[in-house]
Amino acid sequence: MRNPGTAGIHGCLAKAETDALSRAIAAVPVAAAKLALRFALIADGASGADFSAPLDSIEELTEIVLEAVRQLQRFESLGRIRELDERLQAVADRTGALIQGIVNGAY
């Protein structure tokens, strides 16, 4: 059953907003995949490496995307969705740097 509150949202969102939301949603599995790949690459040589910070960041990415989806469902504030996208990009960048730091420290 379709949520009647979301009717017409696609007509209200500019292409830029739709693209931003798409990037936001895509960022979560990308960050998780990067973590898994890099972990697999250094698993043997990085015994004792602490992956808790990147895992916390991936959880934060997921929470941001969930909040953006909730905002879209209620369509309360396009500005808030933009804020969430900016926050998501910052967290994704930080997560990438954390993962890269672990990889660099292992070698």
PDB file of N, CA and C in Angstrom:
ATOM      1  N   MET A   1       0.833  -1.172   0.000  1.00  0.00           N
ATOM      2  CA  MET A   1       0.000   0.000   0.000  1.00  0.00           C
ATOM      3  C   MET A   1       0.881   1.239   0.000  1.00  0.00           C
ATOM      4  N   ARG A   2       0.559   2.162  -0.792  1.00  0.00           N
ATOM      5  CA  ARG A   2       1.327   3.383  -0.932  1.00  0.00           C
ATOM      6  C   ARG A   2       1.000   4.369   0.185  1.00  0.00           C
ATOM      7  N   ASN A   3       2.013   5.038   0.656  1.00  0.00           N
ATOM      8  CA  ASN A   3       1.820   6.044   1.690  1.00  0.00           C
ATOM      9  C   ASN A   3       1.259   7.304   1.036  1.00  0.00           C
ATOM     10  N   PRO A   4       0.045   7.703   1.382  1.00  0.00           N
ATOM     11  CA  PRO A   4      -0.541   8.876   0.734  1.00  0.00           C
ATOM     12  C   PRO A   4       0.224  10.157   1.026  1.00  0.00           C
ATOM     13  N   GLY A   5       0.990  10.169   2.103  1.00  0.00           N
ATOM     14  CA  GLY A   5       1.765  11.364   2.438  1.00  0.00           C
ATOM     15  C   GLY A   5       2.923  11.598   1.500  1.00  0.00           C
ATOM     16  N   THR A   6       3.315  10.594   0.732  1.00  0.00           N
ATOM     17  CA  THR A   6       4.445  10.758  -0.174  1.00  0.00           C
ATOM     18  C   THR A   6       4.003  11.043  -1.598  1.00  0.00           C
ATOM     19  N   ALA A   7       2.726  11.099  -1.853  1.00  0.00           N
ATOM     20  CA  ALA A   7       2.244  11.376  -3.202  1.00  0.00           C
ATOM     21  C   ALA A   7       2.763  12.726  -3.658  1.00  0.00           C
ATOM     22  N   GLY A   8       3.327  12.753  -4.831  1.00  0.00           N
ATOM     23  CA  GLY A   8       3.802  14.005  -5.393  1.00  0.00           C
ATOM     24  C   GLY A   8       5.195  14.420  -4.949  1.00  0.00           C
ATOM     25  N   ILE A   9       5.854  13.640  -4.124  1.00  0.00           N
ATOM     26  CA  ILE A   9       7.198  14.020  -3.671  1.00  0.00           C
ATOM     27  C   ILE A   9       8.149  14.126  -4.843  1.00  0.00           C
ATOM     28  N   HIS A  10       8.063  13.168  -5.760  1.00  0.00           N
ATOM     29  CA  HIS A  10       8.996  13.196  -6.886  1.00  0.00           C
ATOM     30  C   HIS A  10       8.860  14.484  -7.690  1.00  0.00           C
ATOM     31  N   GLY A  11       7.650  15.009  -7.782  1.00  0.00           N
ATOM     32  CA  GLY A  11       7.451  16.274  -8.477  1.00  0.00           C
ATOM     33  C   GLY A  11       7.984  17.459  -7.699  1.00  0.00           C
ATOM     34  N   CYS A  12       8.104  17.318  -6.388  1.00  0.00           N
ATOM     35  CA  CYS A  12       8.580  18.416  -5.545  1.00  0.00           C
ATOM     36  C   CYS A  12      10.094  18.458  -5.448  1.00  0.00           C
ATOM     37  N   LEU A  13      10.746  17.343  -5.688  1.00  0.00           N
ATOM     38  CA  LEU A  13      12.197  17.289  -5.558  1.00  0.00           C
ATOM     39  C   LEU A  13      12.866  17.604  -6.887  1.00  0.00           C
ATOM     40  N   ALA A  14      13.814  18.492  -6.841  1.00  0.00           N
ATOM     41  CA  ALA A  14      14.616  18.784  -8.023  1.00  0.00           C
ATOM     42  C   ALA A  14      15.564  17.620  -8.259  1.00  0.00           C
ATOM     43  N   LYS A  15      16.091  17.534  -9.460  1.00  0.00           N
ATOM     44  CA  LYS A  15      17.018  16.456  -9.790  1.00  0.00           C
ATOM     45  C   LYS A  15      18.196  16.436  -8.830  1.00  0.00           C
ATOM     46  N   ALA A  16      18.688  17.593  -8.440  1.00  0.00           N
ATOM     47  CA  ALA A  16      19.824  17.658  -7.514  1.00  0.00           C
ATOM     48  C   ALA A  16      19.496  17.004  -6.181  1.00  0.00           C
ATOM     49  N   GLU A  17      18.283  17.246  -5.669  1.00  0.00           N
ATOM     50  CA  GLU A  17      17.885  16.637  -4.398  1.00  0.00           C
ATOM     51  C   GLU A  17      17.728  15.128  -4.539  1.00  0.00           C
ATOM     52  N   THR A  18      17.146  14.703  -5.653  1.00  0.00           N
ATOM     53  CA  THR A  18      16.989  13.266  -5.892  1.00  0.00           C
ATOM     54  C   THR A  18      18.355  12.605  -5.993  1.00  0.00           C
ATOM     55  N   ASP A  19      19.281  13.243  -6.700  1.00  0.00           N
ATOM     56  CA  ASP A  19      20.637  12.705  -6.822  1.00  0.00           C
ATOM     57  C   ASP A  19      21.340  12.659  -5.475  1.00  0.00           C
ATOM     58  N   ALA A  20      21.157  13.700  -4.661  1.00  0.00           N
ATOM     59  CA  ALA A  20      21.787  13.742  -3.336  1.00  0.00           C
ATOM     60  C   ALA A  20      21.262  12.619  -2.456  1.00  0.00           C
ATOM     61  N   LEU A  21      19.959  12.394  -2.498  1.00  0.00           N
ATOM     62  CA  LEU A  21      19.386  11.311  -1.703  1.00  0.00           C
ATOM     63  C   LEU A  21      19.903   9.965  -2.185  1.00  0.00           C
ATOM     64  N   SER A  22      19.994   9.792  -3.471  1.00  0.00           N
ATOM     65  CA  SER A  22      20.513   8.543  -4.023  1.00  0.00           C
ATOM     66  C   SER A  22      21.941   8.295  -3.553  1.00  0.00           C
ATOM     67  N   ARG A  23      22.771   9.337  -3.580  1.00  0.00           N
ATOM     68  CA  ARG A  23      24.157   9.201  -3.089  1.00  0.00           C
ATOM     69  C   ARG A  23      24.175   8.853  -1.612  1.00  0.00           C
ATOM     70  N   ALA A  24      23.289   9.473  -0.845  1.00  0.00           N
ATOM     71  CA  ALA A  24      23.244   9.227   0.595  1.00  0.00           C
ATOM     72  C   ALA A  24      22.908   7.772   0.884  1.00  0.00           C
ATOM     73  N   ILE A  25      21.925   7.272   0.195  1.00  0.00           N
ATOM     74  CA  ILE A  25      21.515   5.881   0.415  1.00  0.00           C
ATOM     75  C   ILE A  25      22.612   4.928  -0.037  1.00  0.00           C
ATOM     76  N   ALA A  26      23.268   5.250  -1.139  1.00  0.00           N
ATOM     77  CA  ALA A  26      24.326   4.392  -1.665  1.00  0.00           C
ATOM     78  C   ALA A  26      25.579   4.405  -0.800  1.00  0.00           C
ATOM     79  N   ALA A  27      25.796   5.449  -0.014  1.00  0.00           N
ATOM     80  CA  ALA A  27      27.018   5.581   0.776  1.00  0.00           C
ATOM     81  C   ALA A  27      27.147   4.517   1.860  1.00  0.00           C
ATOM     82  N   VAL A  28      26.042   4.059   2.400  1.00  0.00           N
ATOM     83  CA  VAL A  28      26.115   3.094   3.503  1.00  0.00           C
ATOM     84  C   VAL A  28      26.722   1.768   3.055  1.00  0.00           C
ATOM     85  N   PRO A  29      26.175   1.099   2.033  1.00  0.00           N
ATOM     86  CA  PRO A  29      26.800  -0.172   1.640  1.00  0.00           C
ATOM     87  C   PRO A  29      28.198   0.009   1.061  1.00  0.00           C
ATOM     88  N   VAL A  30      28.485   1.157   0.458  1.00  0.00           N
ATOM     89  CA  VAL A  30      29.820   1.410  -0.065  1.00  0.00           C
ATOM     90  C   VAL A  30      30.830   1.462   1.075  1.00  0.00           C
ATOM     91  N   ALA A  31      30.494   2.166   2.149  1.00  0.00           N
ATOM     92  CA  ALA A  31      31.392   2.240   3.300  1.00  0.00           C
ATOM     93  C   ALA A  31      31.580   0.862   3.930  1.00  0.00           C
ATOM     94  N   ALA A  32      30.509   0.107   4.033  1.00  0.00           N
ATOM     95  CA  ALA A  32      30.606  -1.245   4.593  1.00  0.00           C
ATOM     96  C   ALA A  32      31.459  -2.142   3.702  1.00  0.00           C
ATOM     97  N   ALA A  33      31.296  -2.018   2.398  1.00  0.00           N
ATOM     98  CA  ALA A  33      32.086  -2.834   1.469  1.00  0.00           C
ATOM     99  C   ALA A  33      33.564  -2.479   1.541  1.00  0.00           C
ATOM    100  N   LYS A  34      33.876  -1.169   1.646  1.00  0.00           N
ATOM    101  CA  LYS A  34      35.276  -0.745   1.786  1.00  0.00           C
ATOM    102  C   LYS A  34      35.889  -1.331   3.046  1.00  0.00           C
ATOM    103  N   LEU A  35      35.152  -1.258   4.142  1.00  0.00           N
ATOM    104  CA  LEU A  35      35.651  -1.799   5.398  1.00  0.00           C
ATOM    105  C   LEU A  35      35.909  -3.292   5.265  1.00  0.00           C
ATOM    106  N   ALA A  36      34.962  -4.022   4.696  1.00  0.00           N
ATOM    107  CA  ALA A  36      35.112  -5.470   4.556  1.00  0.00           C
ATOM    108  C   ALA A  36      36.289  -5.827   3.650  1.00  0.00           C
ATOM    109  N   LEU A  37      36.425  -5.122   2.542  1.00  0.00           N
ATOM    110  CA  LEU A  37      37.530  -5.396   1.620  1.00  0.00           C
ATOM    111  C   LEU A  37      38.873  -5.120   2.274  1.00  0.00           C
ATOM    112  N   ARG A  38      38.986  -3.977   2.904  1.00  0.00           N
ATOM    113  CA  ARG A  38      40.266  -3.638   3.533  1.00  0.00           C
ATOM    114  C   ARG A  38      40.568  -4.549   4.716  1.00  0.00           C
ATOM    115  N   PHE A  39      39.539  -4.922   5.444  1.00  0.00           N
ATOM    116  CA  PHE A  39      39.746  -5.861   6.542  1.00  0.00           C
ATOM    117  C   PHE A  39      40.255  -7.187   6.009  1.00  0.00           C
ATOM    118  N   ALA A  40      39.652  -7.659   4.924  1.00  0.00           N
ATOM    119  CA  ALA A  40      40.092  -8.930   4.324  1.00  0.00           C
ATOM    120  C   ALA A  40      41.532  -8.838   3.847  1.00  0.00           C
ATOM    121  N   LEU A  41      41.926  -7.700   3.304  1.00  0.00           N
ATOM    122  CA  LEU A  41      43.285  -7.529   2.798  1.00  0.00           C
ATOM    123  C   LEU A  41      44.331  -7.524   3.903  1.00  0.00           C
ATOM    124  N   ILE A  42      43.962  -7.029   5.088  1.00  0.00           N
ATOM    125  CA  ILE A  42      44.967  -6.913   6.150  1.00  0.00           C
ATOM    126  C   ILE A  42      44.708  -7.848   7.323  1.00  0.00           C
ATOM    127  N   ALA A  43      43.734  -8.718   7.203  1.00  0.00           N
ATOM    128  CA  ALA A  43      43.350  -9.570   8.336  1.00  0.00           C
ATOM    129  C   ALA A  43      44.529 -10.345   8.911  1.00  0.00           C
ATOM    130  N   ASP A  44      45.372 -10.880   8.054  1.00  0.00           N
ATOM    131  CA  ASP A  44      46.500 -11.669   8.554  1.00  0.00           C
ATOM    132  C   ASP A  44      47.558 -10.801   9.217  1.00  0.00           C
ATOM    133  N   GLY A  45      47.841  -9.644   8.634  1.00  0.00           N
ATOM    134  CA  GLY A  45      48.907  -8.800   9.148  1.00  0.00           C
ATOM    135  C   GLY A  45      48.462  -7.783  10.177  1.00  0.00           C
ATOM    136  N   ALA A  46      47.168  -7.697  10.437  1.00  0.00           N
ATOM    137  CA  ALA A  46      46.681  -6.649  11.340  1.00  0.00           C
ATOM    138  C   ALA A  46      45.997  -7.227  12.562  1.00  0.00           C
ATOM    139  N   SER A  47      46.549  -8.305  13.062  1.00  0.00           N
ATOM    140  CA  SER A  47      45.924  -8.853  14.260  1.00  0.00           C
ATOM    141  C   SER A  47      45.987  -7.806  15.350  1.00  0.00           C
ATOM    142  N   GLY A  48      44.874  -7.595  15.985  1.00  0.00           N
ATOM    143  CA  GLY A  48      44.806  -6.594  17.032  1.00  0.00           C
ATOM    144  C   GLY A  48      44.413  -5.211  16.541  1.00  0.00           C
ATOM    145  N   ALA A  49      44.233  -5.045  15.222  1.00  0.00           N
ATOM    146  CA  ALA A  49      43.798  -3.743  14.709  1.00  0.00           C
ATOM    147  C   ALA A  49      42.397  -3.453  15.230  1.00  0.00           C
ATOM    148  N   ASP A  50      42.172  -2.218  15.598  1.00  0.00           N
ATOM    149  CA  ASP A  50      40.884  -1.821  16.170  1.00  0.00           C
ATOM    150  C   ASP A  50      39.997  -1.223  15.082  1.00  0.00           C
ATOM    151  N   PHE A  51      38.969  -1.966  14.695  1.00  0.00           N
ATOM    152  CA  PHE A  51      38.032  -1.516  13.673  1.00  0.00           C
ATOM    153  C   PHE A  51      36.766  -0.916  14.288  1.00  0.00           C
ATOM    154  N   SER A  52      36.768  -0.654  15.587  1.00  0.00           N
ATOM    155  CA  SER A  52      35.544  -0.176  16.232  1.00  0.00           C
ATOM    156  C   SER A  52      35.135   1.216  15.748  1.00  0.00           C
ATOM    157  N   ALA A  53      36.088   2.108  15.521  1.00  0.00           N
ATOM    158  CA  ALA A  53      35.733   3.466  15.067  1.00  0.00           C
ATOM    159  C   ALA A  53      35.079   3.454  13.687  1.00  0.00           C
ATOM    160  N   PRO A  54      35.652   2.736  12.693  1.00  0.00           N
ATOM    161  CA  PRO A  54      34.963   2.690  11.398  1.00  0.00           C
ATOM    162  C   PRO A  54      33.601   2.005  11.482  1.00  0.00           C
ATOM    163  N   LEU A  55      33.485   0.989  12.313  1.00  0.00           N
ATOM    164  CA  LEU A  55      32.188   0.319  12.469  1.00  0.00           C
ATOM    165  C   LEU A  55      31.168   1.264  13.092  1.00  0.00           C
ATOM    166  N   ASP A  56      31.594   2.068  14.055  1.00  0.00           N
ATOM    167  CA  ASP A  56      30.699   3.074  14.641  1.00  0.00           C
ATOM    168  C   ASP A  56      30.270   4.088  13.583  1.00  0.00           C
ATOM    169  N   SER A  57      31.207   4.458  12.714  1.00  0.00           N
ATOM    170  CA  SER A  57      30.887   5.413  11.655  1.00  0.00           C
ATOM    171  C   SER A  57      29.886   4.828  10.666  1.00  0.00           C
ATOM    172  N   ILE A  58      30.028   3.555  10.349  1.00  0.00           N
ATOM    173  CA  ILE A  58      29.074   2.912   9.438  1.00  0.00           C
ATOM    174  C   ILE A  58      27.693   2.887  10.071  1.00  0.00           C
ATOM    175  N   GLU A  59      27.639   2.646  11.369  1.00  0.00           N
ATOM    176  CA  GLU A  59      26.357   2.699  12.069  1.00  0.00           C
ATOM    177  C   GLU A  59      25.769   4.111  12.000  1.00  0.00           C
ATOM    178  N   GLU A  60      26.621   5.117  12.170  1.00  0.00           N
ATOM    179  CA  GLU A  60      26.159   6.500  12.080  1.00  0.00           C
ATOM    180  C   GLU A  60      25.647   6.822  10.672  1.00  0.00           C
ATOM    181  N   LEU A  61      26.346   6.329   9.645  1.00  0.00           N
ATOM    182  CA  LEU A  61      25.888   6.520   8.269  1.00  0.00           C
ATOM    183  C   LEU A  61      24.488   5.943   8.079  1.00  0.00           C
ATOM    184  N   THR A  62      24.281   4.765   8.610  1.00  0.00           N
ATOM    185  CA  THR A  62      22.980   4.114   8.493  1.00  0.00           C
ATOM    186  C   THR A  62      21.897   4.942   9.170  1.00  0.00           C
ATOM    187  N   GLU A  63      22.189   5.460  10.350  1.00  0.00           N
ATOM    188  CA  GLU A  63      21.214   6.278  11.081  1.00  0.00           C
ATOM    189  C   GLU A  63      20.872   7.551  10.314  1.00  0.00           C
ATOM    190  N   ILE A  64      21.861   8.156   9.668  1.00  0.00           N
ATOM    191  CA  ILE A  64      21.615   9.368   8.888  1.00  0.00           C
ATOM    192  C   ILE A  64      20.694   9.058   7.711  1.00  0.00           C
ATOM    193  N   VAL A  65      20.974   7.969   7.018  1.00  0.00           N
ATOM    194  CA  VAL A  65      20.126   7.596   5.876  1.00  0.00           C
ATOM    195  C   VAL A  65      18.706   7.310   6.346  1.00  0.00           C
ATOM    196  N   LEU A  66      18.564   6.606   7.469  1.00  0.00           N
ATOM    197  CA  LEU A  66      17.221   6.330   7.991  1.00  0.00           C
ATOM    198  C   LEU A  66      16.475   7.625   8.311  1.00  0.00           C
ATOM    199  N   GLU A  67      17.177   8.583   8.893  1.00  0.00           N
ATOM    200  CA  GLU A  67      16.529   9.857   9.196  1.00  0.00           C
ATOM    201  C   GLU A  67      16.129  10.578   7.908  1.00  0.00           C
ATOM    202  N   ALA A  68      16.973  10.517   6.883  1.00  0.00           N
ATOM    203  CA  ALA A  68      16.629  11.149   5.600  1.00  0.00           C
ATOM    204  C   ALA A  68      15.400  10.497   4.988  1.00  0.00           C
ATOM    205  N   VAL A  69      15.319   9.183   5.065  1.00  0.00           N
ATOM    206  CA  VAL A  69      14.148   8.486   4.526  1.00  0.00           C
ATOM    207  C   VAL A  69      12.899   8.876   5.304  1.00  0.00           C
ATOM    208  N   ARG A  70      13.016   8.973   6.610  1.00  0.00           N
ATOM    209  CA  ARG A  70      11.863   9.410   7.428  1.00  0.00           C
ATOM    210  C   ARG A  70      11.433  10.819   7.039  1.00  0.00           C
ATOM    211  N   GLN A  71      12.403  11.680   6.809  1.00  0.00           N
ATOM    212  CA  GLN A  71      12.082  13.042   6.383  1.00  0.00           C
ATOM    213  C   GLN A  71      11.335  13.026   5.054  1.00  0.00           C
ATOM    214  N   LEU A  72      11.779  12.162   4.151  1.00  0.00           N
ATOM    215  CA  LEU A  72      11.101  12.069   2.867  1.00  0.00           C
ATOM    216  C   LEU A  72       9.687  11.514   3.014  1.00  0.00           C
ATOM    217  N   GLN A  73       9.522  10.546   3.887  1.00  0.00           N
ATOM    218  CA  GLN A  73       8.192   9.982   4.089  1.00  0.00           C
ATOM    219  C   GLN A  73       7.217  11.037   4.574  1.00  0.00           C
ATOM    220  N   ARG A  74       7.675  11.892   5.472  1.00  0.00           N
ATOM    221  CA  ARG A  74       6.813  12.950   6.005  1.00  0.00           C
ATOM    222  C   ARG A  74       6.901  14.210   5.159  1.00  0.00           C
ATOM    223  N   PHE A  75       7.975  14.303   4.393  1.00  0.00           N
ATOM    224  CA  PHE A  75       8.288  15.458   3.559  1.00  0.00           C
ATOM    225  C   PHE A  75       8.113  16.754   4.333  1.00  0.00           C
ATOM    226  N   GLU A  76       8.781  16.793   5.478  1.00  0.00           N
ATOM    227  CA  GLU A  76       8.676  17.951   6.350  1.00  0.00           C
ATOM    228  C   GLU A  76       9.618  19.079   5.956  1.00  0.00           C
ATOM    229  N   SER A  77      10.841  18.724   5.566  1.00  0.00           N
ATOM    230  CA  SER A  77      11.814  19.781   5.341  1.00  0.00           C
ATOM    231  C   SER A  77      12.877  19.338   4.339  1.00  0.00           C
ATOM    232  N   LEU A  78      12.837  19.954   3.177  1.00  0.00           N
ATOM    233  CA  LEU A  78      13.860  19.682   2.184  1.00  0.00           C
ATOM    234  C   LEU A  78      15.220  20.174   2.682  1.00  0.00           C
ATOM    235  N   GLY A  79      15.207  21.282   3.420  1.00  0.00           N
ATOM    236  CA  GLY A  79      16.450  21.796   4.001  1.00  0.00           C
ATOM    237  C   GLY A  79      17.091  20.791   4.939  1.00  0.00           C
ATOM    238  N   ARG A  80      16.270  20.107   5.714  1.00  0.00           N
ATOM    239  CA  ARG A  80      16.787  19.098   6.647  1.00  0.00           C
ATOM    240  C   ARG A  80      17.400  17.931   5.872  1.00  0.00           C
ATOM    241  N   ILE A  81      16.790  17.559   4.766  1.00  0.00           N
ATOM    242  CA  ILE A  81      17.347  16.479   3.944  1.00  0.00           C
ATOM    243  C   ILE A  81      18.707  16.905   3.392  1.00  0.00           C
ATOM    244  N   ARG A  82      18.812  18.147   2.991  1.00  0.00           N
ATOM    245  CA  ARG A  82      20.108  18.652   2.505  1.00  0.00           C
ATOM    246  C   ARG A  82      21.158  18.631   3.614  1.00  0.00           C
ATOM    247  N   GLU A  83      20.762  19.024   4.822  1.00  0.00           N
ATOM    248  CA  GLU A  83      21.680  18.981   5.967  1.00  0.00           C
ATOM    249  C   GLU A  83      22.155  17.555   6.223  1.00  0.00           C
ATOM    250  N   LEU A  84      21.215  16.625   6.155  1.00  0.00           N
ATOM    251  CA  LEU A  84      21.562  15.225   6.380  1.00  0.00           C
ATOM    252  C   LEU A  84      22.525  14.725   5.316  1.00  0.00           C
ATOM    253  N   ASP A  85      22.325  15.150   4.065  1.00  0.00           N
ATOM    254  CA  ASP A  85      23.230  14.739   2.995  1.00  0.00           C
ATOM    255  C   ASP A  85      24.636  15.271   3.253  1.00  0.00           C
ATOM    256  N   GLU A  86      24.746  16.529   3.669  1.00  0.00           N
ATOM    257  CA  GLU A  86      26.065  17.096   3.975  1.00  0.00           C
ATOM    258  C   GLU A  86      26.728  16.347   5.127  1.00  0.00           C
ATOM    259  N   ARG A  87      25.937  16.052   6.154  1.00  0.00           N
ATOM    260  CA  ARG A  87      26.468  15.306   7.304  1.00  0.00           C
ATOM    261  C   ARG A  87      26.905  13.919   6.874  1.00  0.00           C
ATOM    262  N   LEU A  88      26.114  13.292   6.013  1.00  0.00           N
ATOM    263  CA  LEU A  88      26.441  11.956   5.538  1.00  0.00           C
ATOM    264  C   LEU A  88      27.763  11.963   4.776  1.00  0.00           C
ATOM    265  N   GLN A  89      27.953  12.960   3.925  1.00  0.00           N
ATOM    266  CA  GLN A  89      29.199  13.045   3.171  1.00  0.00           C
ATOM    267  C   GLN A  89      30.398  13.215   4.102  1.00  0.00           C
ATOM    268  N   ALA A  90      30.239  14.030   5.131  1.00  0.00           N
ATOM    269  CA  ALA A  90      31.326  14.244   6.090  1.00  0.00           C
ATOM    270  C   ALA A  90      31.661  12.956   6.844  1.00  0.00           C
ATOM    271  N   VAL A  91      30.639  12.238   7.277  1.00  0.00           N
ATOM    272  CA  VAL A  91      30.861  10.990   8.003  1.00  0.00           C
ATOM    273  C   VAL A  91      31.475   9.943   7.080  1.00  0.00           C
ATOM    274  N   ALA A  92      31.018   9.884   5.829  1.00  0.00           N
ATOM    275  CA  ALA A  92      31.585   8.926   4.872  1.00  0.00           C
ATOM    276  C   ALA A  92      33.061   9.218   4.630  1.00  0.00           C
ATOM    277  N   ASP A  93      33.404  10.501   4.494  1.00  0.00           N
ATOM    278  CA  ASP A  93      34.813  10.874   4.311  1.00  0.00           C
ATOM    279  C   ASP A  93      35.639  10.488   5.537  1.00  0.00           C
ATOM    280  N   ARG A  94      35.098  10.758   6.732  1.00  0.00           N
ATOM    281  CA  ARG A  94      35.801  10.411   7.970  1.00  0.00           C
ATOM    282  C   ARG A  94      35.986   8.898   8.076  1.00  0.00           C
ATOM    283  N   THR A  95      34.959   8.154   7.698  1.00  0.00           N
ATOM    284  CA  THR A  95      35.041   6.690   7.754  1.00  0.00           C
ATOM    285  C   THR A  95      36.129   6.181   6.824  1.00  0.00           C
ATOM    286  N   GLY A  96      36.173   6.737   5.627  1.00  0.00           N
ATOM    287  CA  GLY A  96      37.222   6.341   4.682  1.00  0.00           C
ATOM    288  C   GLY A  96      38.610   6.620   5.229  1.00  0.00           C
ATOM    289  N   ALA A  97      38.774   7.776   5.864  1.00  0.00           N
ATOM    290  CA  ALA A  97      40.074   8.123   6.444  1.00  0.00           C
ATOM    291  C   ALA A  97      40.443   7.195   7.595  1.00  0.00           C
ATOM    292  N   LEU A  98      39.450   6.840   8.418  1.00  0.00           N
ATOM    293  CA  LEU A  98      39.709   5.909   9.526  1.00  0.00           C
ATOM    294  C   LEU A  98      40.167   4.552   9.001  1.00  0.00           C
ATOM    295  N   ILE A  99      39.466   4.064   7.987  1.00  0.00           N
ATOM    296  CA  ILE A  99      39.813   2.762   7.411  1.00  0.00           C
ATOM    297  C   ILE A  99      41.202   2.826   6.788  1.00  0.00           C
ATOM    298  N   GLN A 100      41.479   3.901   6.054  1.00  0.00           N
ATOM    299  CA  GLN A 100      42.793   4.035   5.434  1.00  0.00           C
ATOM    300  C   GLN A 100      43.893   4.106   6.486  1.00  0.00           C
ATOM    301  N   GLY A 101      43.622   4.771   7.596  1.00  0.00           N
ATOM    302  CA  GLY A 101      44.602   4.838   8.670  1.00  0.00           C
ATOM    303  C   GLY A 101      44.916   3.471   9.258  1.00  0.00           C
ATOM    304  N   ILE A 102      43.896   2.633   9.396  1.00  0.00           N
ATOM    305  CA  ILE A 102      44.126   1.267   9.892  1.00  0.00           C
ATOM    306  C   ILE A 102      44.969   0.480   8.905  1.00  0.00           C
ATOM    307  N   VAL A 103      44.638   0.608   7.613  1.00  0.00           N
ATOM    308  CA  VAL A 103      45.402  -0.087   6.575  1.00  0.00           C
ATOM    309  C   VAL A 103      46.856   0.388   6.584  1.00  0.00           C
ATOM    310  N   ASN A 104      47.048   1.703   6.632  1.00  0.00           N
ATOM    311  CA  ASN A 104      48.411   2.240   6.641  1.00  0.00           C
ATOM    312  C   ASN A 104      49.196   1.779   7.864  1.00  0.00           C
ATOM    313  N   GLY A 105      48.524   1.713   9.018  1.00  0.00           N
ATOM    314  CA  GLY A 105      49.182   1.281  10.233  1.00  0.00           C
ATOM    315  C   GLY A 105      49.556  -0.194  10.228  1.00  0.00           C
ATOM    316  N   ALA A 106      48.861  -0.958   9.418  1.00  0.00           N
ATOM    317  CA  ALA A 106      49.136  -2.396   9.361  1.00  0.00           C
ATOM    318  C   ALA A 106      50.352  -2.715   8.513  1.00  0.00           C
ATOM    319  N   TYR A 107      50.755  -1.762   7.682  1.00  0.00           N
ATOM    320  CA  TYR A 107      51.881  -2.038   6.782  1.00  0.00           C
ATOM    321  C   TYR A 107      53.039  -1.126   7.002  1.00  0.00           C
TER     322      TYR A 107
END
